[in-house]
Amino acid sequence: ADGCHHRKEEGVLFKSMNSVGVPADSGPIAVMLHEHELGRKFNRGMAAAAKKYASGDAEAKFDVIESARNYGKLLTQHIQKEDTILFPMADRVIPVAQHGQVYENFEKVEHEETGEGVHEKYLALLEKLESLYG
């Protein structure tokens, strides 16, 4: 979510919304940015705990699980806010004539910053995890 989706929001969507008067330091964009940072914190927590676990600290698995659950809860709430508040607002405030450019900028981020095949890699990982733990 962070490297793919949030990068597009921060680098393209929020800037486009800000350019037409939606403030970045309050309201929906500020909430989304705060949640992106919180998600990064949970990801760092998972990575640190996984490293401890890999080094032999068996108790660290509980920290991995807690961070993963917190991240999952955050993403569920975050997606709901995007779907019901942020994206409808963006659709209203960004002029229709600019929608194509926003899409092109999303594609540019996808290909130049995120990298080819990254989505597919993570979707495959998700499918594997779902088959194991779903």
Protein backbone atom coordinates (compact mmCIF):
# COMPACT_ATOMS: atom_id res chain seq x y z
CA ALA A 1 0.00 0.00 0.00
CA ASP A 2 2.71 2.45 0.91
CA GLY A 3 5.12 2.02 -1.97
CA CYS A 4 2.44 1.74 -4.62
CA HIS A 5 -0.86 3.32 -3.67
CA HIS A 6 0.16 5.93 -1.11
CA ARG A 7 2.97 7.14 -3.35
CA LYS A 8 0.39 7.94 -6.04
CA GLU A 9 -1.85 9.72 -3.57
CA GLU A 10 0.95 11.82 -2.10
CA GLY A 11 2.75 12.53 -5.36
CA VAL A 12 -0.22 13.04 -7.64
CA LEU A 13 -3.72 13.10 -6.15
CA PHE A 14 -3.09 15.28 -3.11
CA LYS A 15 -1.05 17.75 -5.18
CA SER A 16 -3.82 17.92 -7.76
CA MET A 17 -6.42 18.51 -5.07
CA ASN A 18 -4.22 21.09 -3.35
CA SER A 19 -3.76 22.95 -6.64
CA VAL A 20 -7.52 23.57 -6.77
CA GLY A 21 -7.77 24.76 -3.19
CA VAL A 22 -8.08 21.69 -0.97
CA PRO A 23 -5.69 22.28 1.95
CA ALA A 24 -3.04 19.68 2.71
CA ASP A 25 -2.61 20.66 6.35
CA SER A 26 -6.22 20.07 7.40
CA GLY A 27 -9.26 18.09 6.36
CA PRO A 28 -9.21 14.83 4.40
CA ILE A 29 -5.72 15.17 2.96
CA ALA A 30 -4.20 15.80 6.40
CA VAL A 31 -6.04 12.76 7.78
CA MET A 32 -4.79 10.57 4.92
CA LEU A 33 -1.21 11.79 5.33
CA HIS A 34 -1.35 11.09 9.06
CA GLU A 35 -2.61 7.58 8.39
CA HIS A 36 0.11 7.00 5.79
CA GLU A 37 2.70 7.87 8.44
CA LEU A 38 1.00 5.64 10.99
CA GLY A 39 1.05 2.80 8.46
CA ARG A 40 4.78 3.35 7.91
CA LYS A 41 5.27 3.14 11.67
CA PHE A 42 3.45 -0.21 11.77
CA ASN A 43 5.54 -1.46 8.84
CA ARG A 44 8.76 -0.45 10.59
CA GLY A 45 7.51 -2.25 13.70
CA MET A 46 6.79 -5.41 11.72
CA ALA A 47 10.21 -5.29 10.06
CA ALA A 48 12.07 -4.74 13.33
CA ALA A 49 10.17 -7.51 15.09
CA ALA A 50 10.66 -9.89 12.15
CA LYS A 51 14.39 -9.21 12.29
CA LYS A 52 14.43 -10.01 16.02
CA TYR A 53 12.41 -13.15 15.39
CA ALA A 54 14.81 -14.23 12.62
CA SER A 55 17.70 -13.70 15.05
CA GLY A 56 16.18 -16.16 17.50
CA ASP A 57 13.90 -14.05 19.67
CA ALA A 58 10.80 -16.28 19.62
CA GLU A 59 8.75 -13.74 21.59
CA ALA A 60 9.18 -11.19 18.81
CA LYS A 61 6.55 -13.04 16.77
CA PHE A 62 3.91 -11.44 18.99
CA ASP A 63 5.20 -7.99 18.03
CA VAL A 64 5.04 -8.95 14.35
CA ILE A 65 1.45 -10.10 14.81
CA GLU A 66 0.42 -6.99 16.75
CA SER A 67 1.92 -4.62 14.18
CA ALA A 68 0.35 -6.59 11.32
CA ARG A 69 -3.08 -6.52 12.96
CA ASN A 70 -2.81 -2.80 13.67
CA TYR A 71 -1.76 -2.18 10.08
CA GLY A 72 -4.67 -4.26 8.79
CA LYS A 73 -7.16 -2.36 10.94
CA LEU A 74 -5.68 0.94 9.81
CA LEU A 75 -5.88 -0.01 6.13
CA THR A 76 -9.50 -1.14 6.48
CA GLN A 77 -10.49 2.22 7.98
CA HIS A 78 -8.27 4.12 5.55
CA ILE A 79 -9.82 2.49 2.49
CA GLN A 80 -13.30 3.23 3.80
CA LYS A 81 -12.38 6.93 4.16
CA GLU A 82 -10.89 6.98 0.67
CA ASP A 83 -13.94 5.37 -0.89
CA THR A 84 -16.55 7.48 0.91
CA ILE A 85 -14.80 10.84 1.38
CA LEU A 86 -11.47 11.38 -0.40
CA PHE A 87 -12.09 9.93 -3.85
CA PRO A 88 -15.58 11.43 -4.28
CA MET A 89 -14.16 14.80 -3.18
CA ALA A 90 -11.25 14.52 -5.63
CA ASP A 91 -13.68 13.65 -8.40
CA ARG A 92 -15.71 16.78 -7.61
CA VAL A 93 -12.91 19.31 -7.12
CA ILE A 94 -10.42 18.30 -9.80
CA PRO A 95 -11.76 19.61 -13.10
CA VAL A 96 -12.84 16.85 -15.48
CA ALA A 97 -10.42 18.24 -18.07
CA GLN A 98 -7.55 17.36 -15.68
CA HIS A 99 -8.65 13.78 -14.89
CA GLY A 100 -6.69 12.39 -17.84
CA GLN A 101 -3.53 14.12 -16.68
CA VAL A 102 -3.99 12.77 -13.14
CA TYR A 103 -4.34 9.27 -14.60
CA GLU A 104 -1.22 9.75 -16.75
CA ASN A 105 0.69 10.92 -13.68
CA PHE A 106 -0.49 7.82 -11.77
CA GLU A 107 0.84 5.66 -14.60
CA LYS A 108 4.14 7.54 -14.58
CA VAL A 109 4.57 6.88 -10.85
CA GLU A 110 3.62 3.25 -11.42
CA HIS A 111 6.24 2.70 -14.12
CA GLU A 112 9.05 5.04 -13.09
CA GLU A 113 8.94 5.04 -9.30
CA THR A 114 7.13 1.92 -8.13
CA GLY A 115 8.62 -0.30 -10.84
CA GLU A 116 7.39 -2.89 -13.27
CA GLY A 117 5.92 -6.00 -11.71
CA VAL A 118 5.77 -4.68 -8.15
CA HIS A 119 1.97 -4.88 -7.93
CA GLU A 120 2.03 -8.40 -9.27
CA LYS A 121 4.70 -9.39 -6.75
CA TYR A 122 2.64 -8.16 -3.81
CA LEU A 123 -0.62 -9.57 -5.15
CA ALA A 124 1.06 -12.97 -5.42
CA LEU A 125 2.31 -12.63 -1.84
CA LEU A 126 -1.18 -11.69 -0.67
CA GLU A 127 -2.69 -14.70 -2.43
CA LYS A 128 -0.09 -16.95 -0.82
CA LEU A 129 -0.81 -15.54 2.63
CA GLU A 130 -4.55 -15.88 2.10
CA SER A 131 -4.14 -19.51 1.08
CA LEU A 132 -2.05 -20.18 4.19
CA TYR A 133 -3.95 -18.13 6.76
CA GLY A 134 -7.19 -17.00 5.08
